[in-house]
Amino acid sequence: MDGALGFLTFGTLGFVAAFAYLSARATEKRRREGGPKSALARGKYAKIEEEAAARRV
């Protein structure tokens, strides 16, 4: 029984670590390529960007 518990524990931890690694790589790639921002970020900064664009004109 201890072997199965250890297997499940380390299997779960391994899965979480692999998922976190892949997620971090995808996020970094998106950041480098200038990918789309989240809806939350667009809403927060849309007003600031509009004001900055108005000042430039």
N, C-alpha and C. Protein backbone atom coordinates (compact mmCIF):
# COMPACT_ATOMS: atom_id res chain seq x y z
N MET A 1 0.82 -1.19 0.00
CA MET A 1 0.00 0.00 0.00
C MET A 1 0.86 1.25 0.00
N ASP A 2 1.98 1.21 0.70
CA ASP A 2 2.85 2.39 0.75
C ASP A 2 3.44 2.71 -0.62
N GLY A 3 3.70 1.67 -1.39
CA GLY A 3 4.25 1.88 -2.73
C GLY A 3 3.26 2.60 -3.62
N ALA A 4 2.00 2.20 -3.53
CA ALA A 4 0.97 2.84 -4.35
C ALA A 4 0.76 4.29 -3.94
N LEU A 5 0.79 4.54 -2.64
CA LEU A 5 0.62 5.90 -2.16
C LEU A 5 1.78 6.79 -2.62
N GLY A 6 2.99 6.27 -2.54
CA GLY A 6 4.16 7.03 -3.01
C GLY A 6 4.09 7.29 -4.50
N PHE A 7 3.66 6.27 -5.25
CA PHE A 7 3.54 6.43 -6.69
C PHE A 7 2.52 7.51 -7.04
N LEU A 8 1.38 7.48 -6.38
CA LEU A 8 0.35 8.48 -6.65
C LEU A 8 0.80 9.88 -6.23
N THR A 9 1.49 9.96 -5.11
CA THR A 9 1.95 11.26 -4.62
C THR A 9 2.95 11.87 -5.58
N PHE A 10 3.98 11.11 -5.94
CA PHE A 10 5.00 11.66 -6.82
C PHE A 10 4.50 11.81 -8.25
N GLY A 11 3.57 10.97 -8.65
CA GLY A 11 2.96 11.13 -9.97
C GLY A 11 2.19 12.44 -10.05
N THR A 12 1.45 12.75 -9.00
CA THR A 12 0.69 14.00 -8.97
C THR A 12 1.63 15.20 -8.96
N LEU A 13 2.66 15.14 -8.13
CA LEU A 13 3.62 16.24 -8.08
C LEU A 13 4.34 16.42 -9.41
N GLY A 14 4.67 15.32 -10.05
CA GLY A 14 5.32 15.38 -11.36
C GLY A 14 4.42 16.01 -12.39
N PHE A 15 3.15 15.64 -12.37
CA PHE A 15 2.19 16.21 -13.31
C PHE A 15 2.06 17.72 -13.10
N VAL A 16 1.95 18.13 -11.87
CA VAL A 16 1.81 19.55 -11.56
C VAL A 16 3.07 20.31 -12.00
N ALA A 17 4.23 19.76 -11.75
CA ALA A 17 5.47 20.42 -12.14
C ALA A 17 5.57 20.53 -13.66
N ALA A 18 5.22 19.47 -14.37
CA ALA A 18 5.27 19.50 -15.83
C ALA A 18 4.27 20.51 -16.39
N PHE A 19 3.07 20.55 -15.84
CA PHE A 19 2.06 21.50 -16.30
C PHE A 19 2.50 22.94 -16.03
N ALA A 20 3.09 23.19 -14.88
CA ALA A 20 3.56 24.53 -14.55
C ALA A 20 4.69 24.95 -15.49
N TYR A 21 5.57 24.03 -15.81
CA TYR A 21 6.68 24.32 -16.71
C TYR A 21 6.16 24.68 -18.11
N LEU A 22 5.24 23.88 -18.61
CA LEU A 22 4.68 24.15 -19.94
C LEU A 22 3.91 25.46 -19.96
N SER A 23 3.19 25.74 -18.91
CA SER A 23 2.44 26.99 -18.83
C SER A 23 3.39 28.19 -18.80
N ALA A 24 4.45 28.10 -18.06
CA ALA A 24 5.43 29.18 -17.97
C ALA A 24 6.10 29.41 -19.33
N ARG A 25 6.41 28.33 -20.04
CA ARG A 25 7.01 28.47 -21.38
C ARG A 25 6.06 29.15 -22.34
N ALA A 26 4.80 28.76 -22.31
CA ALA A 26 3.81 29.36 -23.21
C ALA A 26 3.61 30.84 -22.89
N THR A 27 3.59 31.16 -21.60
CA THR A 27 3.42 32.56 -21.20
C THR A 27 4.61 33.40 -21.64
N GLU A 28 5.81 32.88 -21.46
CA GLU A 28 7.01 33.61 -21.87
C GLU A 28 7.05 33.79 -23.38
N LYS A 29 6.67 32.78 -24.13
CA LYS A 29 6.63 32.88 -25.59
C LYS A 29 5.64 33.96 -26.02
N ARG A 30 4.47 33.97 -25.40
CA ARG A 30 3.45 34.96 -25.73
C ARG A 30 3.95 36.37 -25.40
N ARG A 31 4.65 36.50 -24.29
CA ARG A 31 5.17 37.81 -23.88
C ARG A 31 6.23 38.30 -24.87
N ARG A 32 7.14 37.40 -25.31
CA ARG A 32 8.18 37.78 -26.25
C ARG A 32 7.61 38.17 -27.61
N GLU A 33 6.57 37.47 -28.05
CA GLU A 33 6.00 37.73 -29.36
C GLU A 33 5.01 38.89 -29.36
N GLY A 34 4.73 39.43 -28.20
CA GLY A 34 3.79 40.55 -28.14
C GLY A 34 2.37 40.10 -28.43
N GLY A 35 2.01 38.96 -27.91
CA GLY A 35 0.69 38.40 -28.14
C GLY A 35 -0.42 39.23 -27.52
N PRO A 36 -1.65 38.82 -27.74
CA PRO A 36 -2.78 39.59 -27.21
C PRO A 36 -2.81 39.59 -25.69
N LYS A 37 -3.24 40.70 -25.15
CA LYS A 37 -3.39 40.80 -23.70
C LYS A 37 -4.72 40.20 -23.28
N SER A 38 -4.82 39.89 -22.03
CA SER A 38 -6.08 39.37 -21.51
C SER A 38 -7.14 40.45 -21.53
N ALA A 39 -8.38 40.06 -21.44
CA ALA A 39 -9.48 41.03 -21.43
C ALA A 39 -9.37 41.96 -20.23
N LEU A 40 -8.91 41.44 -19.12
CA LEU A 40 -8.76 42.26 -17.93
C LEU A 40 -7.71 43.34 -18.15
N ALA A 41 -6.58 42.97 -18.73
CA ALA A 41 -5.52 43.94 -18.98
C ALA A 41 -5.96 44.97 -20.01
N ARG A 42 -6.67 44.53 -21.04
CA ARG A 42 -7.14 45.47 -22.06
C ARG A 42 -8.10 46.48 -21.44
N GLY A 43 -8.98 46.03 -20.57
CA GLY A 43 -9.94 46.95 -19.96
C GLY A 43 -9.27 47.94 -19.04
N LYS A 44 -8.27 47.50 -18.31
CA LYS A 44 -7.59 48.37 -17.35
C LYS A 44 -6.76 49.43 -18.06
N TYR A 45 -6.09 49.03 -19.14
CA TYR A 45 -5.16 49.94 -19.79
C TYR A 45 -5.73 50.62 -21.01
N ALA A 46 -6.93 50.26 -21.42
CA ALA A 46 -7.51 50.87 -22.61
C ALA A 46 -7.68 52.37 -22.43
N LYS A 47 -8.15 52.77 -21.28
CA LYS A 47 -8.36 54.20 -21.01
C LYS A 47 -7.02 54.94 -20.99
N ILE A 48 -6.02 54.35 -20.38
CA ILE A 48 -4.70 54.97 -20.31
C ILE A 48 -4.11 55.12 -21.70
N GLU A 49 -4.25 54.07 -22.53
CA GLU A 49 -3.72 54.12 -23.89
C GLU A 49 -4.46 55.17 -24.72
N GLU A 50 -5.76 55.27 -24.55
CA GLU A 50 -6.53 56.27 -25.29
C GLU A 50 -6.09 57.68 -24.91
N GLU A 51 -5.88 57.92 -23.62
CA GLU A 51 -5.43 59.23 -23.17
C GLU A 51 -4.04 59.56 -23.71
N ALA A 52 -3.16 58.56 -23.73
CA ALA A 52 -1.80 58.78 -24.24
C ALA A 52 -1.86 59.07 -25.73
N ALA A 53 -2.70 58.36 -26.47
CA ALA A 53 -2.82 58.60 -27.91
C ALA A 53 -3.39 60.00 -28.17
N ALA A 54 -4.33 60.44 -27.34
CA ALA A 54 -4.91 61.76 -27.51
C ALA A 54 -3.87 62.85 -27.26
N ARG A 55 -2.97 62.61 -26.32
CA ARG A 55 -1.92 63.60 -26.02
C ARG A 55 -0.91 63.71 -27.15
N ARG A 56 -0.66 62.57 -27.84
CA ARG A 56 0.32 62.56 -28.93
C ARG A 56 -0.19 63.32 -30.14
N VAL A 57 -1.48 63.39 -30.32
CA VAL A 57 -2.04 64.03 -31.52
C VAL A 57 -2.08 65.52 -31.39
